[in-house]
């Protein structure tokens, strides 16, 4: 089983699909990586040779993935919260950030319903 960027690639999946299991690599960048590494895109991940795995690792090292990307995203959110702008306040309060309504819905962000007195 191939291990790239600290992630075990799933067996019996095409290389292009298996690479999308790495945080920060989507379908488009997976296709680019496979082309740059000159690996056959229809090849299954458990059929990769050690040389092909090394080629993929070398190409992926140019991308920001996994821990490095997660840290950058967290720092960006923290910067918004420290600035105190609208998006930062929404993050701080645990409410939807991108303009969604909150009178109904938004349960994923707000958590379980807390009933407030009726009368």
Protein backbone atom coordinates (compact mmCIF):
# COMPACT_ATOMS: atom_id res chain seq x y z
CA UNK A 1 0.00 0.00 0.00
CA UNK A 2 1.33 3.44 -0.99
CA UNK A 3 1.88 6.02 1.73
CA UNK A 4 2.21 9.60 0.48
CA UNK A 5 2.25 12.75 2.65
CA UNK A 6 1.39 10.66 5.71
CA UNK A 7 -1.77 9.24 4.10
CA UNK A 8 -2.33 5.58 3.18
CA UNK A 9 -3.74 5.58 -0.34
CA UNK A 10 -6.72 3.21 -0.68
CA UNK A 11 -6.12 -0.05 -2.54
CA UNK A 12 -7.80 -0.93 -5.83
CA UNK A 13 -8.57 2.66 -6.79
CA UNK A 14 -7.19 4.44 -9.82
CA UNK A 15 -4.21 6.64 -8.97
CA UNK A 16 -6.10 9.84 -9.87
CA UNK A 17 -8.92 8.96 -7.45
CA UNK A 18 -6.62 7.66 -4.71
CA UNK A 19 -4.64 10.93 -4.65
CA UNK A 20 -7.81 12.87 -3.79
CA UNK A 21 -7.77 11.17 -0.36
CA UNK A 22 -4.88 13.52 0.50
CA UNK A 23 -6.13 16.77 2.07
CA UNK A 24 -5.52 19.60 -0.39
CA UNK A 25 -5.58 17.50 -3.57
CA UNK A 26 -8.78 17.51 -5.60
CA UNK A 27 -9.62 15.85 -8.91
CA UNK A 28 -8.01 18.59 -11.02
CA UNK A 29 -4.73 18.76 -9.13
CA UNK A 30 -4.62 14.93 -8.95
CA UNK A 31 -4.79 14.82 -12.75
CA UNK A 32 -1.96 17.40 -12.98
CA UNK A 33 0.19 15.45 -10.50
CA UNK A 34 -0.25 12.18 -12.41
CA UNK A 35 0.69 13.91 -15.69
CA UNK A 36 3.80 15.57 -14.18
CA UNK A 37 4.92 12.30 -12.55
CA UNK A 38 4.34 10.47 -15.85
CA UNK A 39 2.32 7.72 -14.16
CA UNK A 40 -0.45 5.97 -16.05
CA UNK A 41 -3.73 7.48 -14.68
CA UNK A 42 -5.72 4.25 -15.09
CA UNK A 43 -3.23 2.24 -13.04
CA UNK A 44 -4.48 1.01 -9.64
CA UNK A 45 -2.80 2.35 -6.51
CA UNK A 46 -1.78 -1.10 -5.26
CA UNK A 47 -0.04 -1.81 -8.62
CA UNK A 48 2.31 1.20 -8.31
CA UNK A 49 6.01 0.44 -8.30
CA UNK A 50 8.28 2.06 -5.68
CA UNK A 51 9.79 4.26 -8.42
CA UNK A 52 6.33 5.56 -9.41
CA UNK A 53 5.45 6.23 -5.77
CA UNK A 54 8.70 8.21 -5.41
CA UNK A 55 7.87 10.23 -8.56
CA UNK A 56 4.43 11.06 -7.12
CA UNK A 57 6.01 12.09 -3.79
CA UNK A 58 8.46 14.39 -5.57
CA UNK A 59 5.67 16.11 -7.53
CA UNK A 60 3.40 16.40 -4.47
CA UNK A 61 6.23 18.03 -2.49
CA UNK A 62 5.63 21.15 -4.66
CA UNK A 63 2.02 21.37 -3.39
CA UNK A 64 0.81 22.54 0.00
CA UNK A 65 -1.01 19.51 1.46
CA UNK A 66 -2.09 17.87 4.73
CA UNK A 67 -0.66 19.41 7.94
CA UNK A 68 0.94 22.42 6.29
CA UNK A 69 -2.31 23.35 4.52
CA UNK A 70 -4.47 22.69 7.61
CA UNK A 71 -2.16 24.95 9.66
CA UNK A 72 -2.39 27.72 7.06
CA UNK A 73 -6.21 27.55 6.96
CA UNK A 74 -6.38 27.64 10.78
CA UNK A 75 -4.03 30.63 10.86
CA UNK A 76 -6.16 32.46 8.28
CA UNK A 77 -9.30 31.91 10.39
CA UNK A 78 -7.45 32.99 13.54
CA UNK A 79 -6.29 36.16 11.75
CA UNK A 80 -9.90 36.98 10.83
CA UNK A 81 -10.97 36.46 14.44
CA UNK A 82 -8.12 38.64 15.76
CA UNK A 83 -8.98 41.44 13.33
CA UNK A 84 -12.54 41.44 14.64
CA UNK A 85 -14.12 41.83 11.23
CA UNK A 86 -17.56 40.39 10.40
CA UNK A 87 -16.29 37.01 9.20
CA UNK A 88 -14.07 36.71 12.26
CA UNK A 89 -16.99 37.43 14.60
CA UNK A 90 -19.11 34.78 12.88
CA UNK A 91 -16.30 32.24 13.33
CA UNK A 92 -15.91 33.23 16.98
CA UNK A 93 -19.65 32.85 17.68
CA UNK A 94 -19.91 29.57 15.78
CA UNK A 95 -22.46 30.88 13.29
CA UNK A 96 -22.54 30.53 9.48
CA UNK A 97 -19.87 32.72 7.91
CA UNK A 98 -21.03 33.05 4.31
CA UNK A 99 -24.36 34.85 4.59
CA UNK A 100 -26.72 31.92 5.17
CA UNK A 101 -29.94 32.49 7.08
CA UNK A 102 -30.00 31.53 10.76
CA UNK A 103 -33.63 32.00 11.77
CA UNK A 104 -34.24 28.44 10.61
CA UNK A 105 -31.61 25.90 9.55
CA UNK A 106 -27.89 26.47 10.36
CA UNK A 107 -28.06 23.52 12.78
CA UNK A 108 -24.70 22.16 11.69
CA UNK A 109 -22.97 25.34 12.86
CA UNK A 110 -25.21 26.21 15.81
CA UNK A 111 -25.48 22.70 17.32
CA UNK A 112 -28.55 21.17 18.95
CA UNK A 113 -31.64 23.30 19.36
CA UNK A 114 -31.87 25.21 22.68
CA UNK A 115 -35.50 26.06 23.36
CA UNK A 116 -36.07 29.50 24.91
CA UNK A 117 -39.12 30.31 27.09
CA UNK A 118 -42.42 30.73 25.27
CA UNK A 119 -44.52 33.23 27.23
